[in-house]
Amino acid sequence: MKFSVPKMSCGHCTSAIEKSIAAADPAAGVTCDLQSRNVTVTTGKSAADIAAAIKKAGYESELLAG
């Protein structure tokens, strides 16, 4: 699934998001693209669970593709 995270702007942002998603699902695959400000996640968790993890890291997100 792919999320737009408009306020993700630096390495610290991506690190915080990756750590928060890993806490929700240690087996998740996470790719952050600063250029497009998108986060792609491979997980068995629901989109709502991943959105909650991104929010817990301090960022709003929008699901672009499930």
C-alpha atoms as a PDB file:
ATOM      1  CA  MET A   1       0.000   0.000   0.000  1.00  0.00           C
ATOM      2  CA  LYS A   2       1.133   3.529  -0.688  1.00  0.00           C
ATOM      3  CA  PHE A   3       0.591   6.607   1.457  1.00  0.00           C
ATOM      4  CA  SER A   4       1.137  10.280   0.736  1.00  0.00           C
ATOM      5  CA  VAL A   5       2.858  11.987   3.690  1.00  0.00           C
ATOM      6  CA  PRO A   6       3.042  15.684   2.692  1.00  0.00           C
ATOM      7  CA  LYS A   7       5.098  16.866   5.683  1.00  0.00           C
ATOM      8  CA  MET A   8       7.793  14.166   5.342  1.00  0.00           C
ATOM      9  CA  SER A   9      10.781  16.280   4.333  1.00  0.00           C
ATOM     10  CA  CYS A  10      14.036  14.822   5.700  1.00  0.00           C
ATOM     11  CA  GLY A  11      15.893  11.746   6.879  1.00  0.00           C
ATOM     12  CA  HIS A  12      14.665  12.257  10.437  1.00  0.00           C
ATOM     13  CA  CYS A  13      11.080  12.147   9.166  1.00  0.00           C
ATOM     14  CA  THR A  14      11.618   8.900   7.271  1.00  0.00           C
ATOM     15  CA  SER A  15      13.406   7.326  10.232  1.00  0.00           C
ATOM     16  CA  ALA A  16      10.568   8.207  12.622  1.00  0.00           C
ATOM     17  CA  ILE A  17       7.965   6.810  10.206  1.00  0.00           C
ATOM     18  CA  GLU A  18       9.958   3.613   9.578  1.00  0.00           C
ATOM     19  CA  LYS A  19      10.438   3.006  13.317  1.00  0.00           C
ATOM     20  CA  SER A  20       6.752   3.579  14.070  1.00  0.00           C
ATOM     21  CA  ILE A  21       5.608   1.206  11.315  1.00  0.00           C
ATOM     22  CA  ALA A  22       8.172  -1.405  12.452  1.00  0.00           C
ATOM     23  CA  ALA A  23       6.755  -1.151  15.980  1.00  0.00           C
ATOM     24  CA  ALA A  24       3.267  -1.873  14.601  1.00  0.00           C
ATOM     25  CA  ASP A  25       4.516  -4.698  12.342  1.00  0.00           C
ATOM     26  CA  PRO A  26       8.153  -5.855  12.694  1.00  0.00           C
ATOM     27  CA  ALA A  27       7.824  -7.848   9.448  1.00  0.00           C
ATOM     28  CA  ALA A  28       6.670  -4.851   7.369  1.00  0.00           C
ATOM     29  CA  GLY A  29       8.683  -3.675   4.392  1.00  0.00           C
ATOM     30  CA  VAL A  30       8.869   0.121   4.300  1.00  0.00           C
ATOM     31  CA  THR A  31      10.184   2.369   1.521  1.00  0.00           C
ATOM     32  CA  CYS A  32      10.138   6.136   1.990  1.00  0.00           C
ATOM     33  CA  ASP A  33      10.534   8.383  -1.073  1.00  0.00           C
ATOM     34  CA  LEU A  34      11.355  11.936  -0.009  1.00  0.00           C
ATOM     35  CA  GLN A  35      11.133  13.247  -3.579  1.00  0.00           C
ATOM     36  CA  SER A  36       7.471  12.276  -3.954  1.00  0.00           C
ATOM     37  CA  ARG A  37       6.770  12.292  -0.184  1.00  0.00           C
ATOM     38  CA  ASN A  38       5.271   8.829  -0.445  1.00  0.00           C
ATOM     39  CA  VAL A  39       5.654   5.829   1.843  1.00  0.00           C
ATOM     40  CA  THR A  40       5.182   2.348   0.399  1.00  0.00           C
ATOM     41  CA  VAL A  41       4.465  -0.420   2.904  1.00  0.00           C
ATOM     42  CA  THR A  42       4.277  -4.191   2.446  1.00  0.00           C
ATOM     43  CA  THR A  43       2.423  -5.617   5.422  1.00  0.00           C
ATOM     44  CA  GLY A  44      -0.349  -7.904   6.565  1.00  0.00           C
ATOM     45  CA  LYS A  45      -1.776  -5.082   8.690  1.00  0.00           C
ATOM     46  CA  SER A  46      -4.700  -2.953   7.551  1.00  0.00           C
ATOM     47  CA  ALA A  47      -4.268   0.460   5.950  1.00  0.00           C
ATOM     48  CA  ALA A  48      -5.888   1.961   9.049  1.00  0.00           C
ATOM     49  CA  ASP A  49      -3.243   0.322  11.276  1.00  0.00           C
ATOM     50  CA  ILE A  50      -0.417   1.705   9.139  1.00  0.00           C
ATOM     51  CA  ALA A  51      -2.016   5.163   8.947  1.00  0.00           C
ATOM     52  CA  ALA A  52      -2.251   5.084  12.764  1.00  0.00           C
ATOM     53  CA  ALA A  53       1.452   4.178  12.993  1.00  0.00           C
ATOM     54  CA  ILE A  54       2.365   7.085  10.689  1.00  0.00           C
ATOM     55  CA  LYS A  55       0.200   9.403  12.796  1.00  0.00           C
ATOM     56  CA  LYS A  56       1.899   8.115  15.964  1.00  0.00           C
ATOM     57  CA  ALA A  57       5.211   9.203  14.405  1.00  0.00           C
ATOM     58  CA  GLY A  58       3.706  12.693  14.105  1.00  0.00           C
ATOM     59  CA  TYR A  59       2.639  12.804  10.460  1.00  0.00           C
ATOM     60  CA  GLU A  60      -0.689  12.975   8.655  1.00  0.00           C
ATOM     61  CA  SER A  61      -1.057  10.598   5.721  1.00  0.00           C
ATOM     62  CA  GLU A  62      -3.461   9.723   2.948  1.00  0.00           C
ATOM     63  CA  LEU A  63      -3.837   6.267   1.425  1.00  0.00           C
ATOM     64  CA  LEU A  64      -3.084   6.494  -2.296  1.00  0.00           C
ATOM     65  CA  ALA A  65      -3.232   2.804  -3.219  1.00  0.00           C
ATOM     66  CA  GLY A  66      -4.125  -0.302  -1.254  1.00  0.00           C
END
